[in-house]
Amino acid sequence: MSEDALKAARELAAGLDPLAAASRCGAEFEGDSRSGRFSLRLLDDEVMISFPGFEFSPDCQLPPHIRALLVHHLAISDGSEPIGDWRAFADLPNGRFYARAFQGYAGDALVRRLAEKAVGLPDAVTSLGGRALTREELPTNADAAWVLPGLPKVPVAVLWWDSDDEFPARAELLFDKTAPNHLPTDGSAVLGSWLVGNLIAGVERRGR
């Protein structure tokens, strides 16, 4: 996603009912049907987006592809609540075609950067508004599992396996079954990549 994607997202969102869109996305909206401002959480950040222009506040540091993701989310979300039914990226619509690439810049990227620093992951998760998942919430043989609020209604789970004598460390991201109700599959990939980048940065800051 780029500046072109941001332009396309704005065109897709044109004419939406801002109060209804905010409700569907779990955002806040100040204003009326003609003008106002959305306040939408992205991980631990509160992002301000104007309406009807879908411009971002001057101090916003988000790159164009993340801005496009948020506007697209406002445009298409149907308001579905997450149900805790976790799916691999490959199980999202058309996700199987991109699953290997997604694993490369998501789960594999976590391992490449944090294999020796994984002890810092729990604190990084907490700092981004996440928490540990119980075995009842997500039965898995992973050594650790967390859930992070990528967007208010689009949680992302992170699974981590420690290395041992037979296997190297491994990580995988999962999405709620309802994720396609809020984002296209490539949007879920963008969100997962953004989450991974923030986790890595959080761990590395703490490790200095």
N, C-alpha and C. Protein backbone atom coordinates (compact mmCIF):
# COMPACT_ATOMS: atom_id res chain seq x y z
N MET A 1 0.84 -1.19 0.00
CA MET A 1 0.00 0.00 0.00
C MET A 1 0.88 1.25 0.00
N SER A 2 0.45 2.28 -0.70
CA SER A 2 1.25 3.47 -0.88
C SER A 2 0.34 4.67 -0.93
N GLU A 3 0.86 5.78 -1.48
CA GLU A 3 0.02 6.97 -1.66
C GLU A 3 -1.17 6.66 -2.56
N ASP A 4 -0.96 5.84 -3.58
CA ASP A 4 -2.07 5.46 -4.45
C ASP A 4 -3.12 4.68 -3.68
N ALA A 5 -2.66 3.79 -2.80
CA ALA A 5 -3.60 3.02 -1.99
C ALA A 5 -4.36 3.92 -1.04
N LEU A 6 -3.70 4.94 -0.51
CA LEU A 6 -4.36 5.88 0.40
C LEU A 6 -5.44 6.65 -0.36
N LYS A 7 -5.12 7.06 -1.58
CA LYS A 7 -6.11 7.76 -2.40
C LYS A 7 -7.30 6.86 -2.67
N ALA A 8 -7.04 5.59 -3.01
CA ALA A 8 -8.12 4.65 -3.29
C ALA A 8 -8.97 4.40 -2.05
N ALA A 9 -8.32 4.32 -0.88
CA ALA A 9 -9.07 4.10 0.36
C ALA A 9 -9.97 5.29 0.66
N ARG A 10 -9.47 6.50 0.43
CA ARG A 10 -10.30 7.69 0.64
C ARG A 10 -11.51 7.70 -0.29
N GLU A 11 -11.30 7.28 -1.53
CA GLU A 11 -12.42 7.22 -2.48
C GLU A 11 -13.44 6.17 -2.04
N LEU A 12 -12.95 5.04 -1.52
CA LEU A 12 -13.85 3.99 -1.05
C LEU A 12 -14.68 4.46 0.14
N ALA A 13 -14.04 5.27 1.01
CA ALA A 13 -14.72 5.72 2.23
C ALA A 13 -15.60 6.94 2.01
N ALA A 14 -15.51 7.56 0.85
CA ALA A 14 -16.29 8.77 0.60
C ALA A 14 -17.77 8.49 0.74
N GLY A 15 -18.45 9.37 1.45
CA GLY A 15 -19.90 9.23 1.60
C GLY A 15 -20.35 8.34 2.73
N LEU A 16 -19.44 7.77 3.50
CA LEU A 16 -19.88 6.91 4.60
C LEU A 16 -20.52 7.74 5.71
N ASP A 17 -21.32 7.09 6.52
CA ASP A 17 -21.90 7.70 7.71
C ASP A 17 -20.85 7.62 8.81
N PRO A 18 -20.26 8.74 9.24
CA PRO A 18 -19.13 8.65 10.17
C PRO A 18 -19.50 8.07 11.53
N LEU A 19 -20.67 8.36 12.04
CA LEU A 19 -21.06 7.81 13.34
C LEU A 19 -21.23 6.30 13.25
N ALA A 20 -21.84 5.83 12.17
CA ALA A 20 -22.01 4.39 11.99
C ALA A 20 -20.66 3.71 11.79
N ALA A 21 -19.77 4.34 10.99
CA ALA A 21 -18.46 3.75 10.76
C ALA A 21 -17.66 3.65 12.05
N ALA A 22 -17.72 4.70 12.87
CA ALA A 22 -17.00 4.67 14.14
C ALA A 22 -17.51 3.55 15.03
N SER A 23 -18.82 3.39 15.08
CA SER A 23 -19.39 2.32 15.89
C SER A 23 -18.94 0.95 15.40
N ARG A 24 -18.94 0.76 14.08
CA ARG A 24 -18.54 -0.53 13.53
C ARG A 24 -17.08 -0.86 13.83
N CYS A 25 -16.22 0.16 13.87
CA CYS A 25 -14.78 -0.06 14.04
C CYS A 25 -14.32 0.00 15.49
N GLY A 26 -15.20 0.36 16.40
CA GLY A 26 -14.78 0.56 17.78
C GLY A 26 -14.00 1.84 17.97
N ALA A 27 -14.26 2.83 17.09
CA ALA A 27 -13.59 4.13 17.17
C ALA A 27 -14.51 5.13 17.86
N GLU A 28 -13.98 6.33 18.10
CA GLU A 28 -14.78 7.45 18.58
C GLU A 28 -14.91 8.46 17.46
N PHE A 29 -16.01 9.20 17.47
CA PHE A 29 -16.19 10.26 16.47
C PHE A 29 -16.75 11.50 17.12
N GLU A 30 -16.07 12.62 16.90
CA GLU A 30 -16.55 13.90 17.38
C GLU A 30 -16.99 14.73 16.18
N GLY A 31 -18.24 15.13 16.15
CA GLY A 31 -18.74 15.92 15.05
C GLY A 31 -20.12 15.47 14.65
N ASP A 32 -20.51 15.77 13.42
CA ASP A 32 -21.82 15.36 12.92
C ASP A 32 -21.64 14.69 11.56
N SER A 33 -22.74 14.47 10.86
CA SER A 33 -22.68 13.74 9.61
C SER A 33 -21.95 14.50 8.51
N ARG A 34 -21.70 15.80 8.72
CA ARG A 34 -21.03 16.60 7.70
C ARG A 34 -19.54 16.76 7.92
N SER A 35 -19.10 16.80 9.17
CA SER A 35 -17.67 16.98 9.44
C SER A 35 -17.36 16.58 10.88
N GLY A 36 -16.10 16.23 11.08
CA GLY A 36 -15.69 15.85 12.42
C GLY A 36 -14.35 15.14 12.39
N ARG A 37 -14.13 14.31 13.41
CA ARG A 37 -12.83 13.65 13.54
C ARG A 37 -13.00 12.29 14.21
N PHE A 38 -12.39 11.28 13.57
CA PHE A 38 -12.33 9.95 14.16
C PHE A 38 -11.13 9.86 15.11
N SER A 39 -11.29 9.08 16.17
CA SER A 39 -10.18 8.70 17.03
C SER A 39 -10.16 7.17 17.07
N LEU A 40 -9.13 6.58 16.47
CA LEU A 40 -9.07 5.13 16.28
C LEU A 40 -7.76 4.61 16.84
N ARG A 41 -7.84 3.59 17.68
CA ARG A 41 -6.63 3.02 18.26
C ARG A 41 -5.97 2.03 17.30
N LEU A 42 -4.66 2.15 17.18
CA LEU A 42 -3.83 1.21 16.44
C LEU A 42 -2.74 0.76 17.41
N LEU A 43 -2.84 -0.48 17.90
CA LEU A 43 -1.99 -0.95 18.99
C LEU A 43 -2.10 0.03 20.17
N ASP A 44 -1.00 0.67 20.54
CA ASP A 44 -1.03 1.57 21.70
C ASP A 44 -1.15 3.03 21.29
N ASP A 45 -1.40 3.32 20.01
CA ASP A 45 -1.50 4.69 19.52
C ASP A 45 -2.95 5.10 19.31
N GLU A 46 -3.26 6.36 19.60
CA GLU A 46 -4.56 6.93 19.28
C GLU A 46 -4.37 7.77 18.02
N VAL A 47 -5.01 7.38 16.93
CA VAL A 47 -4.82 8.03 15.64
C VAL A 47 -6.04 8.90 15.33
N MET A 48 -5.78 10.16 14.99
CA MET A 48 -6.85 11.10 14.66
C MET A 48 -6.97 11.24 13.15
N ILE A 49 -8.20 11.09 12.64
CA ILE A 49 -8.45 11.13 11.20
C ILE A 49 -9.65 12.05 10.95
N SER A 50 -9.47 13.04 10.10
CA SER A 50 -10.54 14.00 9.85
C SER A 50 -11.62 13.39 8.94
N PHE A 51 -12.80 13.96 9.02
CA PHE A 51 -13.90 13.61 8.12
C PHE A 51 -14.52 14.90 7.62
N PRO A 52 -14.79 15.04 6.31
CA PRO A 52 -14.83 13.97 5.31
C PRO A 52 -13.54 13.76 4.51
N GLY A 53 -12.48 14.48 4.79
CA GLY A 53 -11.28 14.39 3.96
C GLY A 53 -10.38 13.21 4.26
N PHE A 54 -10.55 12.59 5.45
CA PHE A 54 -9.70 11.47 5.87
C PHE A 54 -8.22 11.87 5.85
N GLU A 55 -7.98 13.06 6.40
CA GLU A 55 -6.62 13.53 6.59
C GLU A 55 -6.18 13.19 8.02
N PHE A 56 -4.87 13.01 8.19
CA PHE A 56 -4.32 12.65 9.49
C PHE A 56 -3.73 13.88 10.16
N SER A 57 -3.70 13.88 11.48
CA SER A 57 -3.20 15.03 12.22
C SER A 57 -1.76 15.32 11.82
N PRO A 58 -1.33 16.58 11.87
CA PRO A 58 0.01 16.96 11.39
C PRO A 58 1.14 16.22 12.08
N ASP A 59 0.94 15.83 13.33
CA ASP A 59 2.02 15.15 14.06
C ASP A 59 2.01 13.64 13.84
N CYS A 60 1.11 13.13 13.00
CA CYS A 60 1.03 11.69 12.76
C CYS A 60 2.26 11.22 11.98
N GLN A 61 2.92 10.20 12.49
CA GLN A 61 4.13 9.67 11.88
C GLN A 61 3.89 8.39 11.09
N LEU A 62 2.62 7.99 10.94
CA LEU A 62 2.34 6.73 10.25
C LEU A 62 2.65 6.84 8.76
N PRO A 63 3.26 5.81 8.18
CA PRO A 63 3.55 5.83 6.74
C PRO A 63 2.27 5.68 5.93
N PRO A 64 2.32 6.02 4.63
CA PRO A 64 1.11 6.00 3.80
C PRO A 64 0.38 4.66 3.80
N HIS A 65 1.10 3.54 3.79
CA HIS A 65 0.40 2.26 3.70
C HIS A 65 -0.39 1.96 4.96
N ILE A 66 0.05 2.46 6.12
CA ILE A 66 -0.71 2.27 7.35
C ILE A 66 -1.91 3.22 7.38
N ARG A 67 -1.74 4.42 6.89
CA ARG A 67 -2.86 5.35 6.79
C ARG A 67 -3.94 4.77 5.86
N ALA A 68 -3.50 4.20 4.74
CA ALA A 68 -4.46 3.58 3.82
C ALA A 68 -5.20 2.43 4.50
N LEU A 69 -4.48 1.64 5.29
CA LEU A 69 -5.09 0.54 6.02
C LEU A 69 -6.22 1.04 6.92
N LEU A 70 -5.97 2.12 7.66
CA LEU A 70 -6.96 2.62 8.61
C LEU A 70 -8.19 3.19 7.90
N VAL A 71 -7.98 3.92 6.83
CA VAL A 71 -9.12 4.47 6.10
C VAL A 71 -9.92 3.35 5.46
N HIS A 72 -9.24 2.36 4.90
CA HIS A 72 -9.92 1.21 4.31
C HIS A 72 -10.75 0.49 5.38
N HIS A 73 -10.20 0.37 6.56
CA HIS A 73 -10.91 -0.27 7.67
C HIS A 73 -12.18 0.50 8.01
N LEU A 74 -12.10 1.81 8.08
CA LEU A 74 -13.29 2.62 8.34
C LEU A 74 -14.35 2.40 7.26
N ALA A 75 -13.89 2.20 6.03
CA ALA A 75 -14.81 2.09 4.90
C ALA A 75 -15.54 0.75 4.86
N ILE A 76 -14.87 -0.35 5.23
CA ILE A 76 -15.47 -1.67 4.96
C ILE A 76 -15.89 -2.45 6.19
N SER A 77 -15.44 -2.08 7.38
CA SER A 77 -15.76 -2.88 8.57
C SER A 77 -17.27 -3.02 8.74
N ASP A 78 -17.72 -4.24 9.06
CA ASP A 78 -19.15 -4.46 9.27
C ASP A 78 -19.53 -4.52 10.75
N GLY A 79 -18.54 -4.27 11.62
CA GLY A 79 -18.83 -4.21 13.05
C GLY A 79 -18.79 -5.53 13.77
N SER A 80 -18.43 -6.62 13.11
CA SER A 80 -18.39 -7.93 13.76
C SER A 80 -17.45 -7.92 14.96
N GLU A 81 -17.89 -8.54 16.04
CA GLU A 81 -17.04 -8.67 17.22
C GLU A 81 -16.17 -9.91 17.08
N PRO A 82 -14.91 -9.86 17.53
CA PRO A 82 -14.06 -11.06 17.49
C PRO A 82 -14.65 -12.16 18.36
N ILE A 83 -14.47 -13.40 17.91
CA ILE A 83 -15.10 -14.53 18.61
C ILE A 83 -14.08 -15.49 19.22
N GLY A 84 -12.79 -15.20 19.07
CA GLY A 84 -11.78 -16.08 19.66
C GLY A 84 -11.57 -17.37 18.91
N ASP A 85 -11.96 -17.40 17.65
CA ASP A 85 -11.74 -18.55 16.78
C ASP A 85 -10.56 -18.20 15.89
N TRP A 86 -9.36 -18.70 16.25
CA TRP A 86 -8.12 -18.24 15.64
C TRP A 86 -7.79 -19.02 14.38
N ARG A 87 -7.33 -18.27 13.36
CA ARG A 87 -7.01 -18.86 12.07
C ARG A 87 -5.61 -18.44 11.63
N ALA A 88 -4.93 -19.36 10.94
CA ALA A 88 -3.65 -19.01 10.33
C ALA A 88 -3.90 -18.07 9.16
N PHE A 89 -2.86 -17.31 8.79
CA PHE A 89 -3.01 -16.40 7.66
C PHE A 89 -3.45 -17.14 6.41
N ALA A 90 -2.97 -18.36 6.22
CA ALA A 90 -3.32 -19.15 5.04
C ALA A 90 -4.81 -19.44 4.96
N ASP A 91 -5.50 -19.38 6.09
CA ASP A 91 -6.93 -19.68 6.11
C ASP A 91 -7.80 -18.46 5.87
N LEU A 92 -7.20 -17.27 5.74
CA LEU A 92 -7.96 -16.09 5.34
C LEU A 92 -8.27 -16.18 3.85
N PRO A 93 -9.27 -15.44 3.36
CA PRO A 93 -9.60 -15.51 1.93
C PRO A 93 -8.37 -15.25 1.05
N ASN A 94 -8.05 -16.20 0.20
CA ASN A 94 -6.89 -16.13 -0.70
C ASN A 94 -5.56 -16.05 0.05
N GLY A 95 -5.58 -16.31 1.34
CA GLY A 95 -4.36 -16.19 2.12
C GLY A 95 -3.31 -17.24 1.80
N ARG A 96 -3.74 -18.38 1.28
CA ARG A 96 -2.79 -19.45 1.00
C ARG A 96 -1.76 -19.03 -0.04
N PHE A 97 -2.16 -18.14 -0.96
CA PHE A 97 -1.23 -17.71 -2.01
C PHE A 97 -0.10 -16.86 -1.45
N TYR A 98 -0.34 -16.19 -0.32
CA TYR A 98 0.65 -15.26 0.23
C TYR A 98 1.19 -15.70 1.58
N ALA A 99 0.78 -16.90 2.02
CA ALA A 99 1.12 -17.33 3.38
C ALA A 99 2.62 -17.43 3.59
N ARG A 100 3.34 -17.96 2.60
CA ARG A 100 4.79 -18.12 2.78
C ARG A 100 5.47 -16.77 2.90
N ALA A 101 5.07 -15.82 2.04
CA ALA A 101 5.66 -14.48 2.12
C ALA A 101 5.32 -13.82 3.45
N PHE A 102 4.07 -13.96 3.88
CA PHE A 102 3.68 -13.36 5.14
C PHE A 102 4.48 -13.95 6.30
N GLN A 103 4.63 -15.25 6.32
CA GLN A 103 5.42 -15.87 7.38
C GLN A 103 6.84 -15.34 7.38
N GLY A 104 7.38 -15.06 6.20
CA GLY A 104 8.74 -14.57 6.10
C GLY A 104 8.94 -13.22 6.76
N TYR A 105 7.98 -12.29 6.57
CA TYR A 105 8.17 -10.97 7.16
C TYR A 105 7.38 -10.76 8.45
N ALA A 106 6.76 -11.83 8.94
CA ALA A 106 6.04 -11.73 10.22
C ALA A 106 6.69 -12.68 11.25
N GLY A 107 6.24 -13.92 11.30
CA GLY A 107 6.79 -14.84 12.29
C GLY A 107 8.28 -15.05 12.17
N ASP A 108 8.76 -15.27 10.94
CA ASP A 108 10.20 -15.51 10.76
C ASP A 108 11.02 -14.27 11.12
N ALA A 109 10.45 -13.08 10.85
CA ALA A 109 11.16 -11.85 11.20
C ALA A 109 11.32 -11.72 12.71
N LEU A 110 10.28 -12.10 13.45
CA LEU A 110 10.40 -12.08 14.92
C LEU A 110 11.54 -12.97 15.38
N VAL A 111 11.62 -14.15 14.82
CA VAL A 111 12.67 -15.10 15.23
C VAL A 111 14.04 -14.56 14.84
N ARG A 112 14.18 -14.06 13.62
CA ARG A 112 15.49 -13.56 13.19
C ARG A 112 16.00 -12.46 14.10
N ARG A 113 15.12 -11.59 14.51
CA ARG A 113 15.55 -10.44 15.30
C ARG A 113 15.58 -10.71 16.80
N LEU A 114 14.77 -11.67 17.27
CA LEU A 114 14.59 -11.80 18.72
C LEU A 114 14.94 -13.17 19.28
N ALA A 115 15.53 -14.03 18.47
CA ALA A 115 15.80 -15.39 18.96
C ALA A 115 16.58 -15.39 20.25
N GLU A 116 17.49 -14.43 20.40
CA GLU A 116 18.31 -14.35 21.62
C GLU A 116 17.73 -13.37 22.64
N LYS A 117 16.61 -12.73 22.31
CA LYS A 117 16.05 -11.71 23.20
C LYS A 117 14.58 -11.98 23.50
N ALA A 118 14.11 -13.19 23.24
CA ALA A 118 12.68 -13.48 23.37
C ALA A 118 12.17 -13.28 24.79
N VAL A 119 13.07 -13.28 25.76
CA VAL A 119 12.65 -13.05 27.14
C VAL A 119 11.98 -11.68 27.28
N GLY A 120 12.27 -10.77 26.36
CA GLY A 120 11.68 -9.44 26.43
C GLY A 120 10.32 -9.33 25.78
N LEU A 121 9.85 -10.39 25.12
CA LEU A 121 8.58 -10.32 24.41
C LEU A 121 7.39 -10.04 25.33
N PRO A 122 7.26 -10.69 26.49
CA PRO A 122 6.08 -10.42 27.33
C PRO A 122 5.93 -8.95 27.70
N ASP A 123 7.02 -8.29 28.04
CA ASP A 123 6.94 -6.87 28.39
C ASP A 123 6.57 -6.03 27.17
N ALA A 124 7.12 -6.39 26.00
CA ALA A 124 6.79 -5.64 24.79
C ALA A 124 5.31 -5.81 24.45
N VAL A 125 4.79 -7.02 24.62
CA VAL A 125 3.37 -7.26 24.37
C VAL A 125 2.52 -6.40 25.29
N THR A 126 2.86 -6.38 26.58
CA THR A 126 2.09 -5.60 27.55
C THR A 126 2.12 -4.12 27.20
N SER A 127 3.28 -3.62 26.79
CA SER A 127 3.41 -2.20 26.48
C SER A 127 2.55 -1.79 25.29
N LEU A 128 2.20 -2.75 24.43
CA LEU A 128 1.37 -2.47 23.27
C LEU A 128 -0.11 -2.79 23.52
N GLY A 129 -0.45 -3.05 24.78
CA GLY A 129 -1.83 -3.31 25.14
C GLY A 129 -2.25 -4.75 25.04
N GLY A 130 -1.28 -5.67 24.88
CA GLY A 130 -1.61 -7.08 24.76
C GLY A 130 -1.53 -7.82 26.08
N ARG A 131 -1.81 -9.11 26.01
CA ARG A 131 -1.79 -9.96 27.20
C ARG A 131 -1.55 -11.40 26.78
N ALA A 132 -1.22 -12.23 27.77
CA ALA A 132 -1.03 -13.65 27.49
C ALA A 132 -2.38 -14.32 27.23
N LEU A 133 -2.36 -15.32 26.34
CA LEU A 133 -3.54 -16.14 26.09
C LEU A 133 -3.46 -17.41 26.93
N THR A 134 -4.57 -17.80 27.52
CA THR A 134 -4.61 -19.04 28.28
C THR A 134 -4.78 -20.22 27.35
N ARG A 135 -4.51 -21.41 27.85
CA ARG A 135 -4.69 -22.62 27.05
C ARG A 135 -6.16 -22.82 26.71
N GLU A 136 -7.06 -22.35 27.57
CA GLU A 136 -8.48 -22.46 27.30
C GLU A 136 -8.88 -21.56 26.13
N GLU A 137 -8.24 -20.40 26.03
CA GLU A 137 -8.56 -19.48 24.95
C GLU A 137 -7.97 -19.93 23.62
N LEU A 138 -6.79 -20.52 23.68
CA LEU A 138 -6.11 -20.96 22.46
C LEU A 138 -5.29 -22.22 22.76
N PRO A 139 -5.89 -23.40 22.61
CA PRO A 139 -5.14 -24.63 22.81
C PRO A 139 -4.00 -24.72 21.79
N THR A 140 -2.79 -24.83 22.27
CA THR A 140 -1.64 -24.85 21.38
C THR A 140 -0.47 -25.50 22.09
N ASN A 141 0.46 -26.05 21.32
CA ASN A 141 1.69 -26.58 21.91
C ASN A 141 2.79 -25.54 21.94
N ALA A 142 2.47 -24.29 21.60
CA ALA A 142 3.48 -23.22 21.65
C ALA A 142 3.92 -22.99 23.09
N ASP A 143 5.16 -22.52 23.25
CA ASP A 143 5.66 -22.25 24.59
C ASP A 143 5.04 -20.99 25.19
N ALA A 144 4.58 -20.08 24.34
CA ALA A 144 3.92 -18.87 24.82
C ALA A 144 2.96 -18.39 23.73
N ALA A 145 1.88 -17.75 24.17
CA ALA A 145 0.91 -17.19 23.22
C ALA A 145 0.34 -15.91 23.80
N TRP A 146 0.24 -14.90 22.96
CA TRP A 146 -0.29 -13.60 23.39
C TRP A 146 -1.32 -13.11 22.39
N VAL A 147 -2.16 -12.19 22.82
CA VAL A 147 -3.08 -11.52 21.91
C VAL A 147 -2.87 -10.01 22.04
N LEU A 148 -2.82 -9.33 20.91
CA LEU A 148 -2.64 -7.88 20.89
C LEU A 148 -3.80 -7.25 20.13
N PRO A 149 -4.25 -6.08 20.57
CA PRO A 149 -5.33 -5.38 19.88
C PRO A 149 -4.79 -4.60 18.69
N GLY A 150 -4.57 -5.29 17.57
CA GLY A 150 -4.07 -4.58 16.40
C GLY A 150 -4.94 -3.37 16.11
N LEU A 151 -6.24 -3.62 15.98
CA LEU A 151 -7.28 -2.61 15.92
C LEU A 151 -8.34 -3.02 16.93
N PRO A 152 -9.21 -2.11 17.35
CA PRO A 152 -10.16 -2.47 18.41
C PRO A 152 -10.93 -3.76 18.17
N LYS A 153 -11.30 -4.05 16.92
CA LYS A 153 -12.05 -5.27 16.63
C LYS A 153 -11.27 -6.25 15.77
N VAL A 154 -9.96 -6.04 15.68
CA VAL A 154 -9.11 -6.95 14.90
C VAL A 154 -7.91 -7.37 15.75
N PRO A 155 -8.12 -8.29 16.69
CA PRO A 155 -6.99 -8.77 17.49
C PRO A 155 -6.08 -9.68 16.67
N VAL A 156 -4.83 -9.75 17.10
CA VAL A 156 -3.85 -10.62 16.45
C VAL A 156 -3.16 -11.44 17.54
N ALA A 157 -3.08 -12.74 17.33
CA ALA A 157 -2.38 -13.61 18.28
C ALA A 157 -0.96 -13.88 17.79
N VAL A 158 -0.04 -13.95 18.74
CA VAL A 158 1.36 -14.27 18.44
C VAL A 158 1.73 -15.52 19.22
N LEU A 159 2.17 -16.54 18.50
CA LEU A 159 2.61 -17.79 19.12
C LEU A 159 4.13 -17.89 19.02
N TRP A 160 4.74 -18.41 20.08
CA TRP A 160 6.20 -18.52 20.12
C TRP A 160 6.62 -19.90 20.63
N TRP A 161 7.53 -20.54 19.88
CA TRP A 161 8.12 -21.80 20.30
C TRP A 161 9.61 -21.56 20.54
N ASP A 162 10.10 -21.91 21.71
CA ASP A 162 11.53 -21.80 21.99
C ASP A 162 12.32 -22.83 21.20
N SER A 163 13.58 -22.54 20.96
CA SER A 163 14.44 -23.52 20.30
C SER A 163 14.78 -24.64 21.28
N ASP A 164 15.07 -25.81 20.74
CA ASP A 164 15.53 -26.92 21.57
C ASP A 164 16.58 -27.69 20.78
N ASP A 165 16.93 -28.90 21.25
CA ASP A 165 17.99 -29.67 20.60
C ASP A 165 17.61 -30.11 19.19
N GLU A 166 16.31 -30.16 18.90
CA GLU A 166 15.86 -30.66 17.60
C GLU A 166 15.38 -29.57 16.65
N PHE A 167 14.78 -28.52 17.20
CA PHE A 167 14.14 -27.53 16.35
C PHE A 167 14.57 -26.11 16.72
N PRO A 168 14.68 -25.24 15.72
CA PRO A 168 14.98 -23.83 16.01
C PRO A 168 13.74 -23.13 16.56
N ALA A 169 13.93 -21.92 17.06
CA ALA A 169 12.80 -21.12 17.54
C ALA A 169 11.85 -20.86 16.36
N ARG A 170 10.57 -20.69 16.70
CA ARG A 170 9.57 -20.46 15.67
C ARG A 170 8.50 -19.52 16.21
N ALA A 171 7.93 -18.70 15.34
CA ALA A 171 6.83 -17.81 15.73
C ALA A 171 5.80 -17.80 14.61
N GLU A 172 4.55 -17.57 14.98
CA GLU A 172 3.47 -17.52 14.00
C GLU A 172 2.41 -16.53 14.47
N LEU A 173 1.80 -15.83 13.54
CA LEU A 173 0.69 -14.92 13.84
C LEU A 173 -0.62 -15.56 13.41
N LEU A 174 -1.65 -15.38 14.23
CA LEU A 174 -2.98 -15.87 13.92
C LEU A 174 -3.97 -14.71 13.95
N PHE A 175 -5.07 -14.88 13.22
CA PHE A 175 -6.10 -13.85 13.14
C PHE A 175 -7.45 -14.44 13.54
N ASP A 176 -8.28 -13.60 14.14
CA ASP A 176 -9.63 -14.04 14.46
C ASP A 176 -10.38 -14.36 13.18
N LYS A 177 -11.31 -15.31 13.27
CA LYS A 177 -12.11 -15.70 12.11
C LYS A 177 -12.83 -14.52 11.48
N THR A 178 -13.12 -13.49 12.30
CA THR A 178 -13.87 -12.34 11.79
C THR A 178 -12.98 -11.29 11.12
N ALA A 179 -11.68 -11.49 11.08
CA ALA A 179 -10.79 -10.47 10.49
C ALA A 179 -11.21 -10.05 9.08
N PRO A 180 -11.65 -10.97 8.20
CA PRO A 180 -12.05 -10.54 6.86
C PRO A 180 -13.27 -9.62 6.85
N ASN A 181 -14.01 -9.55 7.95
CA ASN A 181 -15.15 -8.63 8.04
C ASN A 181 -14.68 -7.19 8.24
N HIS A 182 -13.40 -7.02 8.54
CA HIS A 182 -12.86 -5.69 8.85
C HIS A 182 -11.76 -5.24 7.91
N LEU A 183 -11.05 -6.19 7.31
CA LEU A 183 -9.90 -5.87 6.47
C LEU A 183 -9.82 -6.87 5.32
N PRO A 184 -9.35 -6.43 4.15
CA PRO A 184 -9.00 -7.41 3.12
C PRO A 184 -7.79 -8.21 3.59
N THR A 185 -7.53 -9.33 2.96
CA THR A 185 -6.43 -10.18 3.42
C THR A 185 -5.09 -9.47 3.36
N ASP A 186 -4.85 -8.66 2.31
CA ASP A 186 -3.58 -7.94 2.28
C ASP A 186 -3.52 -6.90 3.40
N GLY A 187 -4.68 -6.39 3.82
CA GLY A 187 -4.71 -5.47 4.96
C GLY A 187 -4.33 -6.18 6.26
N SER A 188 -4.79 -7.42 6.42
CA SER A 188 -4.39 -8.20 7.60
C SER A 188 -2.89 -8.44 7.59
N ALA A 189 -2.32 -8.66 6.41
CA ALA A 189 -0.88 -8.84 6.30
C ALA A 189 -0.15 -7.56 6.72
N VAL A 190 -0.64 -6.42 6.27
CA VAL A 190 -0.03 -5.14 6.65
C VAL A 190 -0.11 -4.94 8.16
N LEU A 191 -1.28 -5.23 8.74
CA LEU A 191 -1.44 -5.08 10.18
C LEU A 191 -0.49 -6.00 10.93
N GLY A 192 -0.38 -7.26 10.49
CA GLY A 192 0.53 -8.19 11.15
C GLY A 192 1.97 -7.74 11.08
N SER A 193 2.38 -7.24 9.92
CA SER A 193 3.75 -6.76 9.76
C SER A 193 4.01 -5.55 10.65
N TRP A 194 3.04 -4.65 10.73
CA TRP A 194 3.19 -3.47 11.60
C TRP A 194 3.32 -3.89 13.06
N LEU A 195 2.52 -4.86 13.47
CA LEU A 195 2.57 -5.36 14.84
C LEU A 195 3.94 -5.96 15.14
N VAL A 196 4.44 -6.76 14.21
CA VAL A 196 5.75 -7.39 14.41
C VAL A 196 6.84 -6.33 14.53
N GLY A 197 6.80 -5.33 13.67
CA GLY A 197 7.80 -4.27 13.75
C GLY A 197 7.77 -3.56 15.09
N ASN A 198 6.57 -3.33 15.61
CA ASN A 198 6.46 -2.67 16.91
C ASN A 198 6.93 -3.57 18.05
N LEU A 199 6.66 -4.86 17.95
CA LEU A 199 7.16 -5.78 18.97
C LEU A 199 8.69 -5.82 18.98
N ILE A 200 9.28 -5.93 17.81
CA ILE A 200 10.74 -5.97 17.72
C ILE A 200 11.34 -4.68 18.28
N ALA A 201 10.77 -3.54 17.91
CA ALA A 201 11.29 -2.27 18.42
C ALA A 201 11.17 -2.19 19.93
N GLY A 202 10.04 -2.69 20.46
CA GLY A 202 9.84 -2.66 21.92
C GLY A 202 10.85 -3.51 22.65
N VAL A 203 11.11 -4.70 22.14
CA VAL A 203 12.09 -5.58 22.78
C VAL A 203 13.48 -4.98 22.70
N GLU A 204 13.84 -4.46 21.54
CA GLU A 204 15.19 -3.94 21.36
C GLU A 204 15.42 -2.68 22.20
N ARG A 205 14.40 -1.85 22.36
CA ARG A 205 14.55 -0.68 23.25
C ARG A 205 14.84 -1.11 24.68
N ARG A 206 14.16 -2.14 25.12
CA ARG A 206 14.35 -2.60 26.49
C ARG A 206 15.67 -3.33 26.68
N GLY A 207 16.24 -3.83 25.58
CA GLY A 207 17.48 -4.58 25.69
C GLY A 207 18.72 -3.74 25.62
N ARG A 208 18.55 -2.43 25.42
CA ARG A 208 19.75 -1.56 25.32
C ARG A 208 20.40 -1.36 26.67
